[in-house]
N, C-alpha and C. Protein backbone atom coordinates (compact mmCIF):
# COMPACT_ATOMS: atom_id res chain seq x y z
N MET A 1 -52.82 11.25 -5.02
CA MET A 1 -52.19 10.33 -4.85
C MET A 1 -50.96 11.19 -4.60
N SER A 2 -50.13 10.98 -3.06
CA SER A 2 -48.93 11.30 -3.01
C SER A 2 -47.77 10.97 -3.56
N GLU A 3 -46.80 11.59 -4.08
CA GLU A 3 -45.29 11.41 -4.88
C GLU A 3 -44.69 10.24 -3.75
N ARG A 4 -44.22 9.54 -4.61
CA ARG A 4 -43.13 8.82 -3.27
C ARG A 4 -41.61 9.26 -3.38
N VAL A 5 -41.17 9.45 -2.09
CA VAL A 5 -40.31 10.05 -1.86
C VAL A 5 -38.82 8.76 -1.50
N PHE A 6 -37.78 8.78 -2.19
CA PHE A 6 -37.14 7.50 -1.45
C PHE A 6 -35.80 8.43 -0.83
N VAL A 7 -35.48 7.81 0.19
CA VAL A 7 -34.28 8.15 0.99
C VAL A 7 -32.87 7.38 1.01
N GLU A 8 -32.12 7.92 0.93
CA GLU A 8 -30.52 8.04 0.47
C GLU A 8 -30.23 7.03 1.79
N ALA A 9 -29.81 6.07 1.85
CA ALA A 9 -29.71 5.25 2.94
C ALA A 9 -29.78 3.71 2.58
N ASP A 10 -28.98 2.61 3.46
CA ASP A 10 -28.86 1.59 3.34
C ASP A 10 -30.09 0.74 2.77
N ILE A 11 -30.32 -0.67 2.18
CA ILE A 11 -31.38 -1.27 2.06
C ILE A 11 -31.54 -2.40 2.86
N ASP A 12 -32.17 -2.78 3.58
CA ASP A 12 -32.10 -4.29 3.91
C ASP A 12 -32.34 -5.33 3.09
N GLY A 13 -31.50 -6.59 3.40
CA GLY A 13 -30.98 -7.37 2.65
C GLY A 13 -29.89 -7.19 1.42
N VAL A 14 -29.90 -6.00 1.01
CA VAL A 14 -28.59 -6.38 0.15
C VAL A 14 -27.11 -6.43 0.85
N VAL A 15 -26.62 -7.71 -0.37
CA VAL A 15 -25.16 -7.56 0.47
C VAL A 15 -24.27 -7.10 -0.30
N LEU A 16 -23.20 -6.54 0.27
CA LEU A 16 -21.55 -5.90 -0.41
C LEU A 16 -20.38 -6.57 0.22
N ARG A 17 -19.90 -7.30 -1.00
CA ARG A 17 -18.95 -8.19 -0.43
C ARG A 17 -17.27 -7.46 -1.32
N GLU A 18 -16.58 -7.03 -0.37
CA GLU A 18 -15.16 -6.90 -1.59
C GLU A 18 -14.88 -8.11 -2.31
N LEU A 19 -14.33 -7.88 -3.63
CA LEU A 19 -13.76 -8.83 -4.45
C LEU A 19 -12.39 -8.98 -4.37
N PRO A 20 -11.16 -9.26 -3.73
CA PRO A 20 -9.81 -8.66 -3.58
C PRO A 20 -9.08 -9.82 -4.81
N SER A 21 -8.40 -8.65 -5.17
CA SER A 21 -7.90 -9.58 -6.37
C SER A 21 -6.22 -10.08 -6.01
N HIS A 22 -5.31 -11.23 -6.17
CA HIS A 22 -4.77 -11.70 -5.71
C HIS A 22 -3.52 -11.64 -7.31
N VAL A 23 -2.36 -10.65 -7.27
CA VAL A 23 -1.84 -10.45 -8.27
C VAL A 23 -0.55 -11.22 -7.95
N ASP A 24 0.11 -11.84 -9.44
CA ASP A 24 1.19 -12.03 -9.38
C ASP A 24 1.73 -11.62 -10.59
N GLN A 25 2.96 -12.39 -11.12
CA GLN A 25 3.41 -12.03 -12.29
C GLN A 25 3.08 -12.23 -13.40
N ARG A 26 1.59 -13.30 -13.52
CA ARG A 26 0.86 -13.83 -14.76
C ARG A 26 0.04 -12.85 -14.66
N GLY A 27 -0.42 -11.96 -13.84
CA GLY A 27 -2.07 -11.20 -14.20
C GLY A 27 -2.39 -11.00 -12.16
N TRP A 28 -3.73 -11.45 -12.53
CA TRP A 28 -4.45 -11.41 -11.13
C TRP A 28 -5.43 -12.47 -11.22
N LEU A 29 -5.99 -12.76 -9.89
CA LEU A 29 -7.17 -13.81 -10.14
C LEU A 29 -8.05 -13.24 -8.88
N CYS A 30 -9.49 -13.55 -9.25
CA CYS A 30 -10.25 -12.83 -8.25
C CYS A 30 -11.59 -13.83 -7.86
N GLU A 31 -11.43 -14.32 -6.91
CA GLU A 31 -12.86 -15.17 -6.42
C GLU A 31 -14.37 -14.67 -6.30
N LEU A 32 -15.17 -15.64 -6.96
CA LEU A 32 -16.23 -14.36 -7.41
C LEU A 32 -17.07 -15.43 -5.99
N TYR A 33 -17.46 -16.09 -6.11
CA TYR A 33 -18.47 -16.68 -5.37
C TYR A 33 -17.97 -18.25 -4.30
N ARG A 34 -18.09 -17.98 -3.58
CA ARG A 34 -18.43 -19.03 -2.34
C ARG A 34 -18.83 -19.30 -1.50
N THR A 35 -19.71 -20.74 -1.83
CA THR A 35 -20.83 -21.19 -0.64
C THR A 35 -21.02 -21.22 0.60
N ASP A 36 -19.45 -20.85 0.59
CA ASP A 36 -19.44 -20.70 2.70
C ASP A 36 -19.66 -19.08 3.08
N GLU A 37 -19.73 -18.59 1.90
CA GLU A 37 -19.63 -16.97 1.77
C GLU A 37 -21.33 -16.26 1.74
N LEU A 38 -21.99 -17.07 1.35
CA LEU A 38 -23.47 -16.33 0.66
C LEU A 38 -24.40 -17.23 1.38
N ASP A 39 -25.70 -16.64 2.13
CA ASP A 39 -26.55 -17.25 2.64
C ASP A 39 -27.06 -18.47 1.40
N PRO A 40 -27.37 -19.64 1.73
CA PRO A 40 -27.70 -20.85 1.11
C PRO A 40 -28.94 -20.28 0.10
N ASP A 41 -29.71 -19.29 0.18
CA ASP A 41 -30.82 -18.69 -0.47
C ASP A 41 -30.67 -17.97 -1.69
N SER A 42 -29.33 -17.76 -1.63
CA SER A 42 -28.69 -16.62 -2.64
C SER A 42 -27.82 -17.45 -3.50
N HIS A 43 -27.33 -18.45 -3.39
CA HIS A 43 -26.35 -19.71 -4.10
C HIS A 43 -27.10 -19.44 -5.67
N PRO A 44 -26.28 -19.59 -6.69
CA PRO A 44 -26.76 -19.50 -7.92
C PRO A 44 -26.79 -20.92 -8.43
N THR A 45 -28.00 -20.62 -9.48
CA THR A 45 -28.61 -21.70 -10.11
C THR A 45 -28.06 -21.36 -11.78
N MET A 46 -27.50 -20.56 -11.93
CA MET A 46 -26.84 -20.14 -13.26
C MET A 46 -25.79 -18.97 -13.34
N ALA A 47 -25.02 -18.77 -14.27
CA ALA A 47 -24.30 -18.44 -14.70
C ALA A 47 -24.27 -17.17 -15.70
N TYR A 48 -24.08 -15.76 -16.14
CA TYR A 48 -24.15 -15.22 -17.38
C TYR A 48 -23.11 -14.25 -17.08
N VAL A 49 -22.48 -13.52 -18.35
CA VAL A 49 -21.75 -12.29 -17.95
C VAL A 49 -22.13 -11.45 -19.22
N SER A 50 -22.32 -10.12 -18.94
CA SER A 50 -22.74 -9.19 -19.99
C SER A 50 -21.93 -8.47 -19.97
N ALA A 51 -21.52 -7.44 -21.33
CA ALA A 51 -20.78 -6.61 -21.62
C ALA A 51 -21.45 -5.48 -21.97
N THR A 52 -21.09 -4.33 -20.99
CA THR A 52 -21.78 -3.28 -21.67
C THR A 52 -20.63 -1.53 -21.81
N HIS A 53 -21.36 -1.37 -22.60
CA HIS A 53 -20.89 0.11 -23.68
C HIS A 53 -20.67 1.15 -22.48
N PRO A 54 -19.77 2.17 -22.43
CA PRO A 54 -19.87 3.22 -21.78
C PRO A 54 -20.83 4.29 -22.00
N GLY A 55 -21.33 4.27 -20.75
CA GLY A 55 -23.09 5.52 -21.00
C GLY A 55 -23.85 4.46 -21.15
N ILE A 56 -24.25 2.97 -21.24
CA ILE A 56 -25.49 2.52 -21.53
C ILE A 56 -25.58 2.15 -20.21
N ALA A 57 -26.75 2.02 -19.74
CA ALA A 57 -27.41 1.54 -18.72
C ALA A 57 -27.99 0.19 -18.88
N ARG A 58 -28.57 -0.65 -17.93
CA ARG A 58 -29.01 -2.42 -17.79
C ARG A 58 -30.11 -1.75 -16.95
N GLY A 59 -31.16 -1.96 -17.37
CA GLY A 59 -32.43 -1.56 -15.81
C GLY A 59 -32.81 -0.07 -16.24
N PRO A 60 -33.73 0.06 -15.19
CA PRO A 60 -34.25 -0.76 -13.91
C PRO A 60 -35.48 -1.60 -14.24
N HIS A 61 -34.89 -2.59 -13.41
CA HIS A 61 -35.99 -3.74 -13.27
C HIS A 61 -35.91 -4.15 -11.76
N GLU A 62 -36.98 -5.25 -11.54
CA GLU A 62 -36.77 -5.87 -10.75
C GLU A 62 -37.57 -7.48 -10.69
N HIS A 63 -37.23 -8.29 -9.78
CA HIS A 63 -37.88 -9.74 -9.44
C HIS A 63 -39.06 -9.97 -8.64
N VAL A 64 -39.51 -11.15 -9.19
CA VAL A 64 -40.50 -11.36 -7.78
C VAL A 64 -39.92 -12.32 -6.77
N GLU A 65 -39.29 -13.04 -7.33
CA GLU A 65 -38.86 -14.21 -6.52
C GLU A 65 -36.78 -14.38 -6.84
N GLN A 66 -36.69 -13.73 -7.50
CA GLN A 66 -35.12 -14.47 -7.97
C GLN A 66 -34.38 -12.91 -7.47
N SER A 67 -33.45 -13.56 -6.80
CA SER A 67 -32.25 -12.65 -6.12
C SER A 67 -30.90 -12.63 -7.30
N ASP A 68 -30.54 -11.40 -7.43
CA ASP A 68 -29.31 -11.64 -8.32
C ASP A 68 -28.15 -11.36 -7.64
N VAL A 69 -26.80 -11.86 -8.31
CA VAL A 69 -25.59 -11.80 -7.19
C VAL A 69 -25.05 -11.33 -8.43
N PHE A 70 -24.60 -10.11 -8.35
CA PHE A 70 -23.78 -9.46 -9.39
C PHE A 70 -22.45 -8.87 -8.73
N CYS A 71 -21.26 -9.51 -9.74
CA CYS A 71 -19.67 -9.00 -9.79
C CYS A 71 -19.27 -8.16 -10.87
N PHE A 72 -19.02 -7.13 -10.15
CA PHE A 72 -18.49 -6.00 -10.86
C PHE A 72 -17.22 -5.81 -10.35
N ILE A 73 -16.22 -5.88 -11.58
CA ILE A 73 -14.82 -6.43 -11.38
C ILE A 73 -14.25 -5.46 -12.66
N GLY A 74 -14.47 -4.91 -13.36
CA GLY A 74 -14.21 -3.94 -14.29
C GLY A 74 -14.31 -4.39 -15.73
N PRO A 75 -13.25 -4.23 -16.84
CA PRO A 75 -12.59 -3.00 -16.57
C PRO A 75 -12.85 -1.69 -16.46
N SER A 76 -14.40 -1.63 -16.63
CA SER A 76 -14.67 0.02 -16.61
C SER A 76 -15.36 -0.11 -14.67
N ASP A 77 -15.72 1.28 -14.79
CA ASP A 77 -16.82 1.07 -13.23
C ASP A 77 -18.28 1.15 -13.87
N PHE A 78 -18.92 1.03 -12.64
CA PHE A 78 -20.71 1.08 -13.00
C PHE A 78 -21.07 1.46 -11.68
N LEU A 79 -22.18 2.60 -12.30
CA LEU A 79 -22.63 3.18 -10.99
C LEU A 79 -23.95 2.03 -10.45
N LEU A 80 -24.71 1.44 -9.84
CA LEU A 80 -25.29 0.72 -9.24
C LEU A 80 -26.40 1.52 -8.60
N LEU A 81 -27.61 1.26 -9.25
CA LEU A 81 -28.81 1.98 -8.57
C LEU A 81 -29.82 1.20 -7.73
N LEU A 82 -30.10 1.00 -6.58
CA LEU A 82 -31.16 0.57 -5.97
C LEU A 82 -32.16 1.24 -5.02
N TRP A 83 -33.21 0.55 -5.31
CA TRP A 83 -34.58 1.38 -4.75
C TRP A 83 -35.35 -0.19 -4.14
N ASP A 84 -35.47 0.26 -2.70
CA ASP A 84 -36.36 -0.72 -2.07
C ASP A 84 -37.86 -0.76 -2.40
N ASN A 85 -38.54 -1.40 -3.19
CA ASN A 85 -39.80 -1.34 -2.96
C ASN A 85 -40.59 -2.38 -2.83
N ARG A 86 -40.07 -2.68 -1.69
CA ARG A 86 -40.98 -3.89 -0.92
C ARG A 86 -42.12 -3.30 0.62
N PRO A 87 -42.96 -3.28 0.13
CA PRO A 87 -44.08 -2.76 1.48
C PRO A 87 -43.65 -3.29 2.73
N GLU A 88 -43.07 -4.50 2.69
CA GLU A 88 -43.21 -4.79 3.91
C GLU A 88 -41.95 -4.62 4.73
N SER A 89 -41.00 -4.59 4.04
CA SER A 89 -39.36 -4.12 4.85
C SER A 89 -39.24 -3.05 5.45
N PRO A 90 -38.45 -2.67 6.31
CA PRO A 90 -38.19 -1.82 7.08
C PRO A 90 -37.12 -0.78 6.62
N THR A 91 -36.91 -1.08 5.12
CA THR A 91 -35.99 -0.11 4.42
C THR A 91 -36.85 0.34 3.04
N TYR A 92 -38.22 0.23 3.37
CA TYR A 92 -39.26 0.70 1.92
C TYR A 92 -38.82 1.88 1.84
N ASN A 93 -38.61 2.51 0.50
CA ASN A 93 -38.27 3.65 -0.31
C ASN A 93 -36.85 4.10 0.35
N HIS A 94 -36.40 3.49 0.37
CA HIS A 94 -34.51 3.47 0.72
C HIS A 94 -34.35 3.59 -0.57
N HIS A 95 -32.98 4.37 -0.89
CA HIS A 95 -32.48 4.11 -2.40
C HIS A 95 -30.84 4.19 -2.08
N MET A 96 -30.35 3.49 -2.91
CA MET A 96 -29.00 3.34 -2.93
C MET A 96 -27.83 4.11 -3.75
N ARG A 97 -26.73 4.58 -4.01
CA ARG A 97 -26.36 5.17 -5.55
C ARG A 97 -24.79 4.56 -4.77
N LEU A 98 -24.18 3.45 -6.02
CA LEU A 98 -23.07 2.75 -5.37
C LEU A 98 -22.17 2.80 -6.60
N THR A 99 -20.58 2.95 -6.65
CA THR A 99 -20.24 2.74 -7.84
C THR A 99 -18.79 1.49 -7.55
N PHE A 100 -18.96 0.91 -8.59
CA PHE A 100 -18.00 -0.84 -8.20
C PHE A 100 -17.53 -0.62 -9.53
N GLY A 101 -16.14 -1.44 -9.29
CA GLY A 101 -15.22 -1.78 -10.84
C GLY A 101 -14.17 -2.07 -10.62
N GLN A 102 -13.40 -1.82 -11.55
CA GLN A 102 -11.96 -2.31 -11.57
C GLN A 102 -11.15 -1.46 -10.39
N ALA A 103 -11.29 -0.51 -10.03
CA ALA A 103 -10.46 0.04 -8.53
C ALA A 103 -11.43 -0.14 -7.32
N LYS A 104 -12.71 -0.56 -7.27
CA LYS A 104 -13.12 -1.45 -6.50
C LYS A 104 -14.33 -2.55 -6.68
N PRO A 105 -13.44 -3.67 -6.76
CA PRO A 105 -14.52 -4.83 -6.96
C PRO A 105 -15.31 -5.38 -6.25
N MET A 106 -16.36 -5.94 -6.79
CA MET A 106 -17.55 -5.87 -5.37
C MET A 106 -18.32 -6.93 -6.35
N LEU A 107 -19.02 -7.71 -4.84
CA LEU A 107 -20.08 -8.40 -5.05
C LEU A 107 -21.08 -8.37 -4.55
N VAL A 108 -22.29 -7.99 -5.30
CA VAL A 108 -23.45 -7.15 -4.71
C VAL A 108 -24.87 -8.25 -4.98
N VAL A 109 -25.36 -8.88 -3.73
CA VAL A 109 -26.71 -9.66 -3.57
C VAL A 109 -27.53 -8.74 -3.80
N ILE A 110 -28.66 -8.70 -4.53
CA ILE A 110 -29.88 -7.81 -4.68
C ILE A 110 -31.23 -8.93 -4.44
N PRO A 111 -31.87 -8.56 -3.48
CA PRO A 111 -32.95 -9.64 -3.09
C PRO A 111 -34.02 -9.60 -3.97
N PRO A 112 -35.27 -10.24 -3.98
CA PRO A 112 -36.25 -10.05 -4.40
C PRO A 112 -36.70 -8.78 -4.24
N GLY A 113 -37.54 -7.97 -5.18
CA GLY A 113 -38.22 -6.71 -4.62
C GLY A 113 -37.42 -5.29 -4.46
N ILE A 114 -36.30 -5.75 -5.10
CA ILE A 114 -35.41 -4.52 -4.97
C ILE A 114 -35.03 -4.12 -6.43
N VAL A 115 -35.55 -3.17 -7.11
CA VAL A 115 -35.60 -2.46 -8.27
C VAL A 115 -33.74 -2.11 -8.52
N HIS A 116 -33.21 -2.64 -9.27
CA HIS A 116 -32.03 -2.43 -9.88
C HIS A 116 -31.93 -1.82 -11.15
N GLY A 117 -30.44 -1.11 -11.34
CA GLY A 117 -30.19 -0.87 -12.69
C GLY A 117 -28.47 -0.78 -12.71
N TYR A 118 -27.88 -1.07 -13.59
CA TYR A 118 -26.43 -0.16 -13.62
C TYR A 118 -26.09 0.66 -15.25
N LEU A 119 -25.15 1.62 -14.68
CA LEU A 119 -24.98 2.28 -16.18
C LEU A 119 -23.04 2.62 -15.86
N ASN A 120 -22.92 1.86 -16.88
CA ASN A 120 -21.14 2.33 -17.21
C ASN A 120 -20.89 3.54 -17.01
N VAL A 121 -20.39 3.91 -16.45
CA VAL A 121 -19.92 5.33 -15.84
C VAL A 121 -18.27 5.45 -16.55
N GLY A 122 -17.66 4.58 -16.92
CA GLY A 122 -16.00 4.73 -17.42
C GLY A 122 -16.37 4.82 -19.07
N ASP A 123 -14.90 4.80 -19.28
CA ASP A 123 -14.53 5.05 -20.72
C ASP A 123 -14.64 3.64 -21.76
N THR A 124 -14.59 2.54 -20.70
CA THR A 124 -14.26 1.59 -21.63
C THR A 124 -15.72 0.51 -21.69
N MET A 125 -15.31 -0.51 -22.51
CA MET A 125 -16.42 -1.59 -22.34
C MET A 125 -16.12 -1.98 -20.93
N GLY A 126 -17.11 -2.30 -19.99
CA GLY A 126 -17.08 -2.77 -18.82
C GLY A 126 -17.86 -4.49 -19.02
N ILE A 127 -17.57 -5.17 -18.02
CA ILE A 127 -17.87 -6.42 -17.64
C ILE A 127 -18.81 -6.63 -16.40
N VAL A 128 -19.86 -7.63 -16.48
CA VAL A 128 -20.87 -7.79 -15.21
C VAL A 128 -21.02 -9.04 -15.37
N MET A 129 -20.53 -10.04 -14.35
CA MET A 129 -21.48 -11.31 -14.53
C MET A 129 -22.52 -11.50 -12.95
N ASN A 130 -23.53 -12.10 -13.46
CA ASN A 130 -24.57 -12.45 -12.74
C ASN A 130 -24.92 -13.84 -12.53
N LEU A 131 -24.96 -14.22 -11.05
CA LEU A 131 -24.92 -15.52 -10.62
C LEU A 131 -26.56 -15.50 -9.95
N PRO A 132 -27.40 -15.69 -10.56
CA PRO A 132 -29.00 -15.56 -10.19
C PRO A 132 -29.08 -16.79 -9.34
N ASN A 133 -29.82 -16.81 -8.22
CA ASN A 133 -30.29 -18.03 -7.83
C ASN A 133 -31.98 -18.94 -8.54
N ARG A 134 -31.76 -18.11 -9.90
CA ARG A 134 -33.07 -18.87 -10.34
C ARG A 134 -32.59 -18.63 -11.94
N LEU A 135 -33.22 -20.16 -12.62
CA LEU A 135 -32.57 -20.22 -13.54
C LEU A 135 -33.80 -19.34 -14.60
N TYR A 136 -33.37 -18.66 -15.71
CA TYR A 136 -33.80 -17.77 -16.37
C TYR A 136 -35.06 -18.79 -17.35
N ARG A 137 -36.35 -17.94 -16.97
CA ARG A 137 -37.79 -18.89 -17.55
C ARG A 137 -37.68 -20.29 -16.97
N GLY A 138 -36.97 -20.56 -16.17
CA GLY A 138 -37.59 -21.73 -15.59
C GLY A 138 -36.76 -22.71 -16.05
N GLU A 139 -36.65 -24.21 -15.65
CA GLU A 139 -36.35 -25.17 -15.96
C GLU A 139 -36.78 -25.46 -17.61
N GLY A 140 -35.88 -25.59 -18.11
CA GLY A 140 -36.03 -25.71 -19.86
C GLY A 140 -36.99 -24.15 -20.51
N ARG A 141 -36.49 -23.41 -20.00
CA ARG A 141 -37.15 -22.12 -20.49
C ARG A 141 -38.48 -22.15 -20.49
N THR A 142 -39.06 -23.09 -20.02
CA THR A 142 -41.03 -23.05 -20.49
C THR A 142 -41.63 -22.36 -19.07
N GLU A 143 -41.07 -21.18 -18.49
CA GLU A 143 -42.00 -20.42 -17.42
C GLU A 143 -41.90 -19.09 -17.87
N ALA A 144 -43.00 -18.68 -17.33
CA ALA A 144 -42.35 -17.17 -17.79
C ALA A 144 -41.49 -16.27 -17.02
N VAL A 145 -41.06 -15.14 -17.58
CA VAL A 145 -39.61 -14.78 -17.20
C VAL A 145 -39.91 -13.52 -15.78
N ASP A 146 -39.00 -14.08 -14.74
CA ASP A 146 -39.13 -13.40 -13.13
C ASP A 146 -38.65 -11.87 -13.40
N GLU A 147 -39.52 -10.53 -13.97
CA GLU A 147 -39.56 -9.98 -14.45
C GLU A 147 -40.06 -8.17 -14.57
N ILE A 148 -39.80 -7.35 -13.58
CA ILE A 148 -40.70 -6.33 -13.62
C ILE A 148 -39.98 -5.42 -14.28
N ARG A 149 -39.76 -4.62 -15.35
CA ARG A 149 -39.11 -4.14 -16.47
C ARG A 149 -39.33 -2.71 -16.67
N HIS A 150 -38.98 -2.14 -15.30
CA HIS A 150 -39.10 -0.60 -15.36
C HIS A 150 -38.83 0.53 -16.67
N GLU A 151 -37.63 -0.03 -16.92
CA GLU A 151 -37.24 0.72 -18.05
C GLU A 151 -37.78 0.56 -19.41
N GLU A 152 -38.74 -0.09 -19.39
CA GLU A 152 -39.76 -0.07 -20.75
C GLU A 152 -41.21 1.03 -20.23
N ASP A 153 -40.80 1.20 -19.05
CA ASP A 153 -42.26 2.62 -18.80
C ASP A 153 -41.48 3.90 -18.53
N ALA A 154 -41.73 4.94 -19.78
CA ALA A 154 -41.54 6.07 -19.59
C ALA A 154 -41.75 7.11 -18.53
N ASP A 155 -42.79 6.41 -18.03
CA ASP A 155 -43.30 7.24 -16.92
C ASP A 155 -42.72 6.76 -15.33
N SER A 156 -41.72 5.83 -15.49
CA SER A 156 -41.42 5.08 -14.25
C SER A 156 -40.73 6.04 -12.93
N ILE A 157 -40.95 6.15 -11.98
CA ILE A 157 -40.16 6.56 -11.01
C ILE A 157 -38.87 6.26 -10.64
N TYR A 158 -38.58 5.12 -11.70
CA TYR A 158 -36.74 4.58 -11.18
C TYR A 158 -36.29 5.05 -12.88
N LYS A 159 -35.83 5.88 -12.44
CA LYS A 159 -34.58 6.53 -13.51
C LYS A 159 -33.31 6.60 -13.01
N MET A 160 -32.41 5.83 -14.40
CA MET A 160 -30.82 5.70 -13.93
C MET A 160 -29.90 6.91 -13.80
N ALA A 161 -30.57 8.08 -13.64
CA ALA A 161 -29.67 9.36 -14.05
C ALA A 161 -29.78 9.86 -12.52
């Protein structure tokens, strides 16, 4: 079997939208989500926030049906890694490395079949918000988790470094 080779290039369906901050004497405000700025298929059904220590990664994993809508706003910076694992995609085997956070706040829509993970590359704990378009474990948490966790496979081709 031949080894898969990933190409550093854009990935079809991944949406990047800058998150401008509005600063005044009280501090700042940043709009994370508006229904008029996202495709209805990406509209959230739930939201959660995670705090990640410096040098720690979350992922890589992928979803079969769920799209993730991540908001990277700081106060640390994150390296986001994406791999297109959809054989039918025009960008199959493409790979993206992107850095976002306090200096460059960003909303990122990650469609199903895109392997993704992020690493806190700053020196402080960082906050990431996720507004997925599916409920975790479905209505009433009664369904199987829609997640393929590559981080649990020591032989995974998806590496966070």
